[in-house]
Amino acid sequence: MILRDLLKHFDIEESFPDYLLEQSFNKVFLDGELSKSDNNYKIVVKTRQDVIHQLFLKPDEDYPVIVLSELPSGLLNGMKFGLTEDDVAYINGL
């Protein structure tokens, strides 16, 4: 599933860089719970393995898409996607 499909699924009408619209994301987010605060969106889903996946959509930020997973052990990992395809940062931590 690509971001464009996810935006359509949740009726989110915001602008994102073209490369992000074609970026693949886990389809588990289609079953997630959407919340919105101002112009920022958050989709959260908990899997059977008790992993909490979060997708943050912040169209006006330097990193408009952030994917974060919290493992049952409390370990966090994920990625931040910037405005250009070569601007990706990894998130690892407790």
PDB file of N, CA and C in Angstrom:
ATOM      1  N   MET A   1       0.837  -1.162   0.000  1.00  0.00           N
ATOM      2  CA  MET A   1       0.000   0.000   0.000  1.00  0.00           C
ATOM      3  C   MET A   1       0.893   1.240   0.000  1.00  0.00           C
ATOM      4  N   ILE A   2       0.546   2.204  -0.825  1.00  0.00           N
ATOM      5  CA  ILE A   2       1.327   3.437  -0.873  1.00  0.00           C
ATOM      6  C   ILE A   2       0.586   4.536  -0.111  1.00  0.00           C
ATOM      7  N   LEU A   3       1.320   5.581   0.227  1.00  0.00           N
ATOM      8  CA  LEU A   3       0.749   6.670   1.024  1.00  0.00           C
ATOM      9  C   LEU A   3      -0.483   7.269   0.352  1.00  0.00           C
ATOM     10  N   ARG A   4      -0.441   7.413  -0.964  1.00  0.00           N
ATOM     11  CA  ARG A   4      -1.596   7.979  -1.679  1.00  0.00           C
ATOM     12  C   ARG A   4      -2.875   7.186  -1.352  1.00  0.00           C
ATOM     13  N   ASP A   5      -2.779   5.848  -1.309  1.00  0.00           N
ATOM     14  CA  ASP A   5      -3.932   4.997  -0.982  1.00  0.00           C
ATOM     15  C   ASP A   5      -4.396   5.209   0.448  1.00  0.00           C
ATOM     16  N   LEU A   6      -3.456   5.347   1.350  1.00  0.00           N
ATOM     17  CA  LEU A   6      -3.793   5.562   2.757  1.00  0.00           C
ATOM     18  C   LEU A   6      -4.508   6.897   2.955  1.00  0.00           C
ATOM     19  N   LEU A   7      -4.023   7.933   2.299  1.00  0.00           N
ATOM     20  CA  LEU A   7      -4.664   9.246   2.389  1.00  0.00           C
ATOM     21  C   LEU A   7      -6.094   9.181   1.869  1.00  0.00           C
ATOM     22  N   LYS A   8      -6.274   8.488   0.771  1.00  0.00           N
ATOM     23  CA  LYS A   8      -7.610   8.347   0.194  1.00  0.00           C
ATOM     24  C   LYS A   8      -8.523   7.562   1.132  1.00  0.00           C
ATOM     25  N   HIS A   9      -8.006   6.479   1.712  1.00  0.00           N
ATOM     26  CA  HIS A   9      -8.778   5.639   2.617  1.00  0.00           C
ATOM     27  C   HIS A   9      -9.328   6.444   3.798  1.00  0.00           C
ATOM     28  N   PHE A  10      -8.516   7.352   4.338  1.00  0.00           N
ATOM     29  CA  PHE A  10      -8.918   8.147   5.496  1.00  0.00           C
ATOM     30  C   PHE A  10      -9.446   9.537   5.116  1.00  0.00           C
ATOM     31  N   ASP A  11      -9.651   9.777   3.833  1.00  0.00           N
ATOM     32  CA  ASP A  11     -10.154  11.076   3.348  1.00  0.00           C
ATOM     33  C   ASP A  11      -9.301  12.249   3.833  1.00  0.00           C
ATOM     34  N   ILE A  12      -7.998  12.082   3.768  1.00  0.00           N
ATOM     35  CA  ILE A  12      -7.065  13.144   4.145  1.00  0.00           C
ATOM     36  C   ILE A  12      -6.672  13.887   2.872  1.00  0.00           C
ATOM     37  N   GLU A  13      -6.968  15.156   2.828  1.00  0.00           N
ATOM     38  CA  GLU A  13      -6.691  15.955   1.645  1.00  0.00           C
ATOM     39  C   GLU A  13      -5.613  16.990   1.957  1.00  0.00           C
ATOM     40  N   GLU A  14      -4.400  16.520   2.089  1.00  0.00           N
ATOM     41  CA  GLU A  14      -3.247  17.369   2.368  1.00  0.00           C
ATOM     42  C   GLU A  14      -2.211  17.137   1.280  1.00  0.00           C
ATOM     43  N   SER A  15      -1.281  18.074   1.146  1.00  0.00           N
ATOM     44  CA  SER A  15      -0.211  17.954   0.153  1.00  0.00           C
ATOM     45  C   SER A  15       1.040  17.356   0.792  1.00  0.00           C
ATOM     46  N   PHE A  16       1.635  16.410   0.068  1.00  0.00           N
ATOM     47  CA  PHE A  16       2.888  15.787   0.470  1.00  0.00           C
ATOM     48  C   PHE A  16       3.796  15.718  -0.751  1.00  0.00           C
ATOM     49  N   PRO A  17       5.101  15.660  -0.549  1.00  0.00           N
ATOM     50  CA  PRO A  17       6.012  15.526  -1.686  1.00  0.00           C
ATOM     51  C   PRO A  17       5.640  14.310  -2.544  1.00  0.00           C
ATOM     52  N   ASP A  18       5.820  14.436  -3.853  1.00  0.00           N
ATOM     53  CA  ASP A  18       5.448  13.363  -4.774  1.00  0.00           C
ATOM     54  C   ASP A  18       6.087  12.033  -4.419  1.00  0.00           C
ATOM     55  N   TYR A  19       7.365  12.056  -4.038  1.00  0.00           N
ATOM     56  CA  TYR A  19       8.026  10.786  -3.737  1.00  0.00           C
ATOM     57  C   TYR A  19       7.353  10.081  -2.561  1.00  0.00           C
ATOM     58  N   LEU A  20       6.839  10.848  -1.597  1.00  0.00           N
ATOM     59  CA  LEU A  20       6.173  10.240  -0.445  1.00  0.00           C
ATOM     60  C   LEU A  20       4.831   9.629  -0.835  1.00  0.00           C
ATOM     61  N   LEU A  21       4.136  10.234  -1.760  1.00  0.00           N
ATOM     62  CA  LEU A  21       2.844   9.697  -2.189  1.00  0.00           C
ATOM     63  C   LEU A  21       2.990   8.301  -2.784  1.00  0.00           C
ATOM     64  N   GLU A  22       4.163   8.003  -3.341  1.00  0.00           N
ATOM     65  CA  GLU A  22       4.427   6.688  -3.936  1.00  0.00           C
ATOM     66  C   GLU A  22       5.173   5.752  -2.989  1.00  0.00           C
ATOM     67  N   GLN A  23       5.476   6.219  -1.785  1.00  0.00           N
ATOM     68  CA  GLN A  23       6.218   5.428  -0.800  1.00  0.00           C
ATOM     69  C   GLN A  23       5.324   4.326  -0.235  1.00  0.00           C
ATOM     70  N   SER A  24       5.872   3.124  -0.112  1.00  0.00           N
ATOM     71  CA  SER A  24       5.121   1.990   0.441  1.00  0.00           C
ATOM     72  C   SER A  24       5.105   2.035   1.964  1.00  0.00           C
ATOM     73  N   PHE A  25       3.944   1.704   2.527  1.00  0.00           N
ATOM     74  CA  PHE A  25       3.785   1.592   3.962  1.00  0.00           C
ATOM     75  C   PHE A  25       2.996   0.329   4.254  1.00  0.00           C
ATOM     76  N   ASN A  26       3.129  -0.185   5.460  1.00  0.00           N
ATOM     77  CA  ASN A  26       2.446  -1.407   5.855  1.00  0.00           C
ATOM     78  C   ASN A  26       0.935  -1.206   5.791  1.00  0.00           C
ATOM     79  N   LYS A  27       0.245  -2.159   5.174  1.00  0.00           N
ATOM     80  CA  LYS A  27      -1.208  -2.040   5.028  1.00  0.00           C
ATOM     81  C   LYS A  27      -1.946  -2.172   6.358  1.00  0.00           C
ATOM     82  N   VAL A  28      -1.245  -2.549   7.424  1.00  0.00           N
ATOM     83  CA  VAL A  28      -1.862  -2.642   8.740  1.00  0.00           C
ATOM     84  C   VAL A  28      -2.466  -1.292   9.152  1.00  0.00           C
ATOM     85  N   PHE A  29      -1.905  -0.190   8.632  1.00  0.00           N
ATOM     86  CA  PHE A  29      -2.420   1.136   8.985  1.00  0.00           C
ATOM     87  C   PHE A  29      -3.846   1.365   8.483  1.00  0.00           C
ATOM     88  N   LEU A  30      -4.284   0.606   7.485  1.00  0.00           N
ATOM     89  CA  LEU A  30      -5.665   0.742   7.000  1.00  0.00           C
ATOM     90  C   LEU A  30      -6.674   0.412   8.094  1.00  0.00           C
ATOM     91  N   ASP A  31      -6.279  -0.411   9.055  1.00  0.00           N
ATOM     92  CA  ASP A  31      -7.158  -0.787  10.167  1.00  0.00           C
ATOM     93  C   ASP A  31      -6.933   0.086  11.397  1.00  0.00           C
ATOM     94  N   GLY A  32      -6.127   1.103  11.260  1.00  0.00           N
ATOM     95  CA  GLY A  32      -5.777   1.943  12.395  1.00  0.00           C
ATOM     96  C   GLY A  32      -6.849   2.953  12.765  1.00  0.00           C
ATOM     97  N   GLU A  33      -6.617   3.575  13.900  1.00  0.00           N
ATOM     98  CA  GLU A  33      -7.516   4.611  14.415  1.00  0.00           C
ATOM     99  C   GLU A  33      -6.899   5.974  14.101  1.00  0.00           C
ATOM    100  N   LEU A  34      -7.669   6.807  13.433  1.00  0.00           N
ATOM    101  CA  LEU A  34      -7.205   8.129  13.005  1.00  0.00           C
ATOM    102  C   LEU A  34      -7.603   9.194  14.014  1.00  0.00           C
ATOM    103  N   SER A  35      -6.652  10.054  14.337  1.00  0.00           N
ATOM    104  CA  SER A  35      -6.964  11.245  15.135  1.00  0.00           C
ATOM    105  C   SER A  35      -6.318  12.438  14.440  1.00  0.00           C
ATOM    106  N   LYS A  36      -6.870  13.613  14.691  1.00  0.00           N
ATOM    107  CA  LYS A  36      -6.383  14.831  14.050  1.00  0.00           C
ATOM    108  C   LYS A  36      -6.285  15.942  15.080  1.00  0.00           C
ATOM    109  N   SER A  37      -5.188  16.687  15.008  1.00  0.00           N
ATOM    110  CA  SER A  37      -4.991  17.856  15.842  1.00  0.00           C
ATOM    111  C   SER A  37      -4.438  18.948  14.944  1.00  0.00           C
ATOM    112  N   ASP A  38      -5.195  20.013  14.781  1.00  0.00           N
ATOM    113  CA  ASP A  38      -4.837  21.080  13.852  1.00  0.00           C
ATOM    114  C   ASP A  38      -4.661  20.475  12.456  1.00  0.00           C
ATOM    115  N   ASN A  39      -3.464  20.612  11.893  1.00  0.00           N
ATOM    116  CA  ASN A  39      -3.202  20.099  10.554  1.00  0.00           C
ATOM    117  C   ASN A  39      -2.353  18.830  10.601  1.00  0.00           C
ATOM    118  N   ASN A  40      -2.309  18.170  11.755  1.00  0.00           N
ATOM    119  CA  ASN A  40      -1.510  16.961  11.937  1.00  0.00           C
ATOM    120  C   ASN A  40      -2.421  15.771  12.177  1.00  0.00           C
ATOM    121  N   TYR A  41      -2.021  14.628  11.617  1.00  0.00           N
ATOM    122  CA  TYR A  41      -2.808  13.407  11.707  1.00  0.00           C
ATOM    123  C   TYR A  41      -1.963  12.318  12.348  1.00  0.00           C
ATOM    124  N   LYS A  42      -2.649  11.403  13.038  1.00  0.00           N
ATOM    125  CA  LYS A  42      -1.971  10.270  13.662  1.00  0.00           C
ATOM    126  C   LYS A  42      -2.848   9.042  13.467  1.00  0.00           C
ATOM    127  N   ILE A  43      -2.237   7.989  12.944  1.00  0.00           N
ATOM    128  CA  ILE A  43      -2.927   6.714  12.771  1.00  0.00           C
ATOM    129  C   ILE A  43      -2.220   5.709  13.670  1.00  0.00           C
ATOM    130  N   VAL A  44      -2.980   5.047  14.533  1.00  0.00           N
ATOM    131  CA  VAL A  44      -2.406   4.105  15.499  1.00  0.00           C
ATOM    132  C   VAL A  44      -3.102   2.762  15.350  1.00  0.00           C
ATOM    133  N   VAL A  45      -2.296   1.713  15.354  1.00  0.00           N
ATOM    134  CA  VAL A  45      -2.844   0.353  15.310  1.00  0.00           C
ATOM    135  C   VAL A  45      -1.984  -0.543  16.188  1.00  0.00           C
ATOM    136  N   LYS A  46      -2.632  -1.452  16.898  1.00  0.00           N
ATOM    137  CA  LYS A  46      -1.922  -2.420  17.738  1.00  0.00           C
ATOM    138  C   LYS A  46      -2.097  -3.797  17.106  1.00  0.00           C
ATOM    139  N   THR A  47      -0.994  -4.494  16.885  1.00  0.00           N
ATOM    140  CA  THR A  47      -1.057  -5.799  16.239  1.00  0.00           C
ATOM    141  C   THR A  47      -1.223  -6.911  17.267  1.00  0.00           C
ATOM    142  N   ARG A  48      -1.423  -8.114  16.769  1.00  0.00           N
ATOM    143  CA  ARG A  48      -1.598  -9.269  17.656  1.00  0.00           C
ATOM    144  C   ARG A  48      -0.363  -9.533  18.500  1.00  0.00           C
ATOM    145  N   GLN A  49       0.784  -9.105  18.031  1.00  0.00           N
ATOM    146  CA  GLN A  49       2.013  -9.302  18.788  1.00  0.00           C
ATOM    147  C   GLN A  49       2.244  -8.180  19.800  1.00  0.00           C
ATOM    148  N   ASP A  50       1.216  -7.386  20.075  1.00  0.00           N
ATOM    149  CA  ASP A  50       1.279  -6.268  21.016  1.00  0.00           C
ATOM    150  C   ASP A  50       2.302  -5.212  20.613  1.00  0.00           C
ATOM    151  N   VAL A  51       2.509  -5.066  19.319  1.00  0.00           N
ATOM    152  CA  VAL A  51       3.338  -3.989  18.792  1.00  0.00           C
ATOM    153  C   VAL A  51       2.400  -2.843  18.411  1.00  0.00           C
ATOM    154  N   ILE A  52       2.735  -1.647  18.868  1.00  0.00           N
ATOM    155  CA  ILE A  52       1.924  -0.468  18.547  1.00  0.00           C
ATOM    156  C   ILE A  52       2.626   0.293  17.428  1.00  0.00           C
ATOM    157  N   HIS A  53       1.953   0.382  16.289  1.00  0.00           N
ATOM    158  CA  HIS A  53       2.484   1.106  15.136  1.00  0.00           C
ATOM    159  C   HIS A  53       1.782   2.458  15.053  1.00  0.00           C
ATOM    160  N   GLN A  54       2.565   3.509  14.837  1.00  0.00           N
ATOM    161  CA  GLN A  54       2.003   4.852  14.708  1.00  0.00           C
ATOM    162  C   GLN A  54       2.532   5.497  13.429  1.00  0.00           C
ATOM    163  N   LEU A  55       1.638   6.138  12.718  1.00  0.00           N
ATOM    164  CA  LEU A  55       2.008   6.883  11.518  1.00  0.00           C
ATOM    165  C   LEU A  55       1.571   8.322  11.737  1.00  0.00           C
ATOM    166  N   PHE A  56       2.542   9.224  11.742  1.00  0.00           N
ATOM    167  CA  PHE A  56       2.271  10.645  11.940  1.00  0.00           C
ATOM    168  C   PHE A  56       2.360  11.347  10.590  1.00  0.00           C
ATOM    169  N   LEU A  57       1.356  12.113  10.264  1.00  0.00           N
ATOM    170  CA  LEU A  57       1.322  12.882   9.020  1.00  0.00           C
ATOM    171  C   LEU A  57       1.274  14.359   9.391  1.00  0.00           C
ATOM    172  N   LYS A  58       2.353  15.052   9.072  1.00  0.00           N
ATOM    173  CA  LYS A  58       2.489  16.464   9.438  1.00  0.00           C
ATOM    174  C   LYS A  58       2.892  17.244   8.191  1.00  0.00           C
ATOM    175  N   PRO A  59       1.929  17.578   7.335  1.00  0.00           N
ATOM    176  CA  PRO A  59       2.247  18.145   6.028  1.00  0.00           C
ATOM    177  C   PRO A  59       3.049  19.441   6.051  1.00  0.00           C
ATOM    178  N   ASP A  60       3.023  20.185   7.125  1.00  0.00           N
ATOM    179  CA  ASP A  60       3.722  21.469   7.175  1.00  0.00           C
ATOM    180  C   ASP A  60       5.095  21.390   7.842  1.00  0.00           C
ATOM    181  N   GLU A  61       5.550  20.187   8.192  1.00  0.00           N
ATOM    182  CA  GLU A  61       6.813  20.013   8.908  1.00  0.00           C
ATOM    183  C   GLU A  61       7.952  19.641   7.956  1.00  0.00           C
ATOM    184  N   ASP A  62       9.191  19.730   8.452  1.00  0.00           N
ATOM    185  CA  ASP A  62      10.359  19.317   7.671  1.00  0.00           C
ATOM    186  C   ASP A  62      10.377  17.806   7.437  1.00  0.00           C
ATOM    187  N   TYR A  63       9.795  17.052   8.357  1.00  0.00           N
ATOM    188  CA  TYR A  63       9.623  15.608   8.209  1.00  0.00           C
ATOM    189  C   TYR A  63       8.125  15.329   8.231  1.00  0.00           C
ATOM    190  N   PRO A  64       7.471  15.372   7.071  1.00  0.00           N
ATOM    191  CA  PRO A  64       6.015  15.279   7.031  1.00  0.00           C
ATOM    192  C   PRO A  64       5.439  13.897   7.335  1.00  0.00           C
ATOM    193  N   VAL A  65       6.249  12.849   7.276  1.00  0.00           N
ATOM    194  CA  VAL A  65       5.764  11.507   7.586  1.00  0.00           C
ATOM    195  C   VAL A  65       6.744  10.839   8.544  1.00  0.00           C
ATOM    196  N   ILE A  66       6.196  10.335   9.652  1.00  0.00           N
ATOM    197  CA  ILE A  66       6.997   9.619  10.645  1.00  0.00           C
ATOM    198  C   ILE A  66       6.292   8.306  10.949  1.00  0.00           C
ATOM    199  N   VAL A  67       7.044   7.215  10.892  1.00  0.00           N
ATOM    200  CA  VAL A  67       6.529   5.898  11.250  1.00  0.00           C
ATOM    201  C   VAL A  67       7.276   5.471  12.503  1.00  0.00           C
ATOM    202  N   LEU A  68       6.527   5.075  13.525  1.00  0.00           N
ATOM    203  CA  LEU A  68       7.125   4.702  14.796  1.00  0.00           C
ATOM    204  C   LEU A  68       6.453   3.432  15.308  1.00  0.00           C
ATOM    205  N   SER A  69       7.259   2.467  15.707  1.00  0.00           N
ATOM    206  CA  SER A  69       6.736   1.222  16.270  1.00  0.00           C
ATOM    207  C   SER A  69       7.280   1.057  17.677  1.00  0.00           C
ATOM    208  N   GLU A  70       6.390   0.686  18.585  1.00  0.00           N
ATOM    209  CA  GLU A  70       6.782   0.418  19.963  1.00  0.00           C
ATOM    210  C   GLU A  70       6.600  -1.067  20.228  1.00  0.00           C
ATOM    211  N   LEU A  71       7.694  -1.734  20.538  1.00  0.00           N
ATOM    212  CA  LEU A  71       7.674  -3.162  20.818  1.00  0.00           C
ATOM    213  C   LEU A  71       7.229  -3.407  22.259  1.00  0.00           C
ATOM    214  N   PRO A  72       6.753  -4.618  22.570  1.00  0.00           N
ATOM    215  CA  PRO A  72       6.328  -4.915  23.943  1.00  0.00           C
ATOM    216  C   PRO A  72       7.419  -4.643  24.975  1.00  0.00           C
ATOM    217  N   SER A  73       8.676  -4.731  24.577  1.00  0.00           N
ATOM    218  CA  SER A  73       9.794  -4.474  25.490  1.00  0.00           C
ATOM    219  C   SER A  73       9.985  -2.983  25.775  1.00  0.00           C
ATOM    220  N   GLY A  74       9.250  -2.128  25.046  1.00  0.00           N
ATOM    221  CA  GLY A  74       9.405  -0.687  25.210  1.00  0.00           C
ATOM    222  C   GLY A  74      10.338  -0.068  24.194  1.00  0.00           C
ATOM    223  N   LEU A  75      11.031  -0.902  23.425  1.00  0.00           N
ATOM    224  CA  LEU A  75      11.944  -0.409  22.396  1.00  0.00           C
ATOM    225  C   LEU A  75      11.161   0.295  21.290  1.00  0.00           C
ATOM    226  N   LEU A  76      11.671   1.439  20.869  1.00  0.00           N
ATOM    227  CA  LEU A  76      11.060   2.198  19.774  1.00  0.00           C
ATOM    228  C   LEU A  76      11.955   2.116  18.549  1.00  0.00           C
ATOM    229  N   ASN A  77      11.339   1.979  17.387  1.00  0.00           N
ATOM    230  CA  ASN A  77      12.094   2.106  16.154  1.00  0.00           C
ATOM    231  C   ASN A  77      11.171   2.667  15.084  1.00  0.00           C
ATOM    232  N   GLY A  78      11.778   3.282  14.095  1.00  0.00           N
ATOM    233  CA  GLY A  78      10.975   3.857  13.034  1.00  0.00           C
ATOM    234  C   GLY A  78      11.812   4.678  12.085  1.00  0.00           C
ATOM    235  N   MET A  79      11.105   5.470  11.289  1.00  0.00           N
ATOM    236  CA  MET A  79      11.752   6.311  10.280  1.00  0.00           C
ATOM    237  C   MET A  79      11.029   7.642  10.172  1.00  0.00           C
ATOM    238  N   LYS A  80      11.813   8.667   9.882  1.00  0.00           N
ATOM    239  CA  LYS A  80      11.264   9.988   9.582  1.00  0.00           C
ATOM    240  C   LYS A  80      11.584  10.280   8.120  1.00  0.00           C
ATOM    241  N   PHE A  81      10.566  10.640   7.352  1.00  0.00           N
ATOM    242  CA  PHE A  81      10.713  10.931   5.938  1.00  0.00           C
ATOM    243  C   PHE A  81      10.670  12.434   5.725  1.00  0.00           C
ATOM    244  N   GLY A  82      11.727  12.973   5.129  1.00  0.00           N
ATOM    245  CA  GLY A  82      11.828  14.404   4.905  1.00  0.00           C
ATOM    246  C   GLY A  82      11.161  14.867   3.622  1.00  0.00           C
ATOM    247  N   LEU A  83      11.414  16.106   3.281  1.00  0.00           N
ATOM    248  CA  LEU A  83      10.795  16.721   2.105  1.00  0.00           C
ATOM    249  C   LEU A  83      11.391  16.210   0.796  1.00  0.00           C
ATOM    250  N   THR A  84      12.589  15.638   0.863  1.00  0.00           N
ATOM    251  CA  THR A  84      13.214  15.070  -0.328  1.00  0.00           C
ATOM    252  C   THR A  84      13.519  13.600  -0.078  1.00  0.00           C
ATOM    253  N   GLU A  85      13.640  12.857  -1.142  1.00  0.00           N
ATOM    254  CA  GLU A  85      13.816  11.410  -1.056  1.00  0.00           C
ATOM    255  C   GLU A  85      15.086  10.991  -0.320  1.00  0.00           C
ATOM    256  N   ASP A  86      16.107  11.831  -0.357  1.00  0.00           N
ATOM    257  CA  ASP A  86      17.361  11.479   0.305  1.00  0.00           C
ATOM    258  C   ASP A  86      17.429  11.949   1.756  1.00  0.00           C
ATOM    259  N   ASP A  87      16.353  12.510   2.273  1.00  0.00           N
ATOM    260  CA  ASP A  87      16.312  12.994   3.658  1.00  0.00           C
ATOM    261  C   ASP A  87      15.462  12.049   4.505  1.00  0.00           C
ATOM    262  N   VAL A  88      16.095  10.961   4.952  1.00  0.00           N
ATOM    263  CA  VAL A  88      15.431   9.970   5.783  1.00  0.00           C
ATOM    264  C   VAL A  88      16.260   9.796   7.047  1.00  0.00           C
ATOM    265  N   ALA A  89      15.597   9.780   8.188  1.00  0.00           N
ATOM    266  CA  ALA A  89      16.289   9.589   9.466  1.00  0.00           C
ATOM    267  C   ALA A  89      15.672   8.379  10.165  1.00  0.00           C
ATOM    268  N   TYR A  90      16.539   7.579  10.776  1.00  0.00           N
ATOM    269  CA  TYR A  90      16.084   6.395  11.499  1.00  0.00           C
ATOM    270  C   TYR A  90      15.922   6.711  12.970  1.00  0.00           C
ATOM    271  N   ILE A  91      14.929   6.095  13.583  1.00  0.00           N
ATOM    272  CA  ILE A  91      14.631   6.283  14.995  1.00  0.00           C
ATOM    273  C   ILE A  91      14.882   4.946  15.697  1.00  0.00           C
ATOM    274  N   ASN A  92      15.767   4.961  16.671  1.00  0.00           N
ATOM    275  CA  ASN A  92      16.041   3.774  17.486  1.00  0.00           C
ATOM    276  C   ASN A  92      16.208   4.245  18.922  1.00  0.00           C
ATOM    277  N   GLY A  93      15.528   3.588  19.836  1.00  0.00           N
ATOM    278  CA  GLY A  93      15.695   3.995  21.223  1.00  0.00           C
ATOM    279  C   GLY A  93      14.753   3.292  22.163  1.00  0.00           C
ATOM    280  N   LEU A  94      14.956   3.559  23.435  1.00  0.00           N
ATOM    281  CA  LEU A  94      14.092   3.005  24.483  1.00  0.00           C
ATOM    282  C   LEU A  94      13.012   3.982  24.832  1.00  0.00           C
TER     283      LEU A  94
END
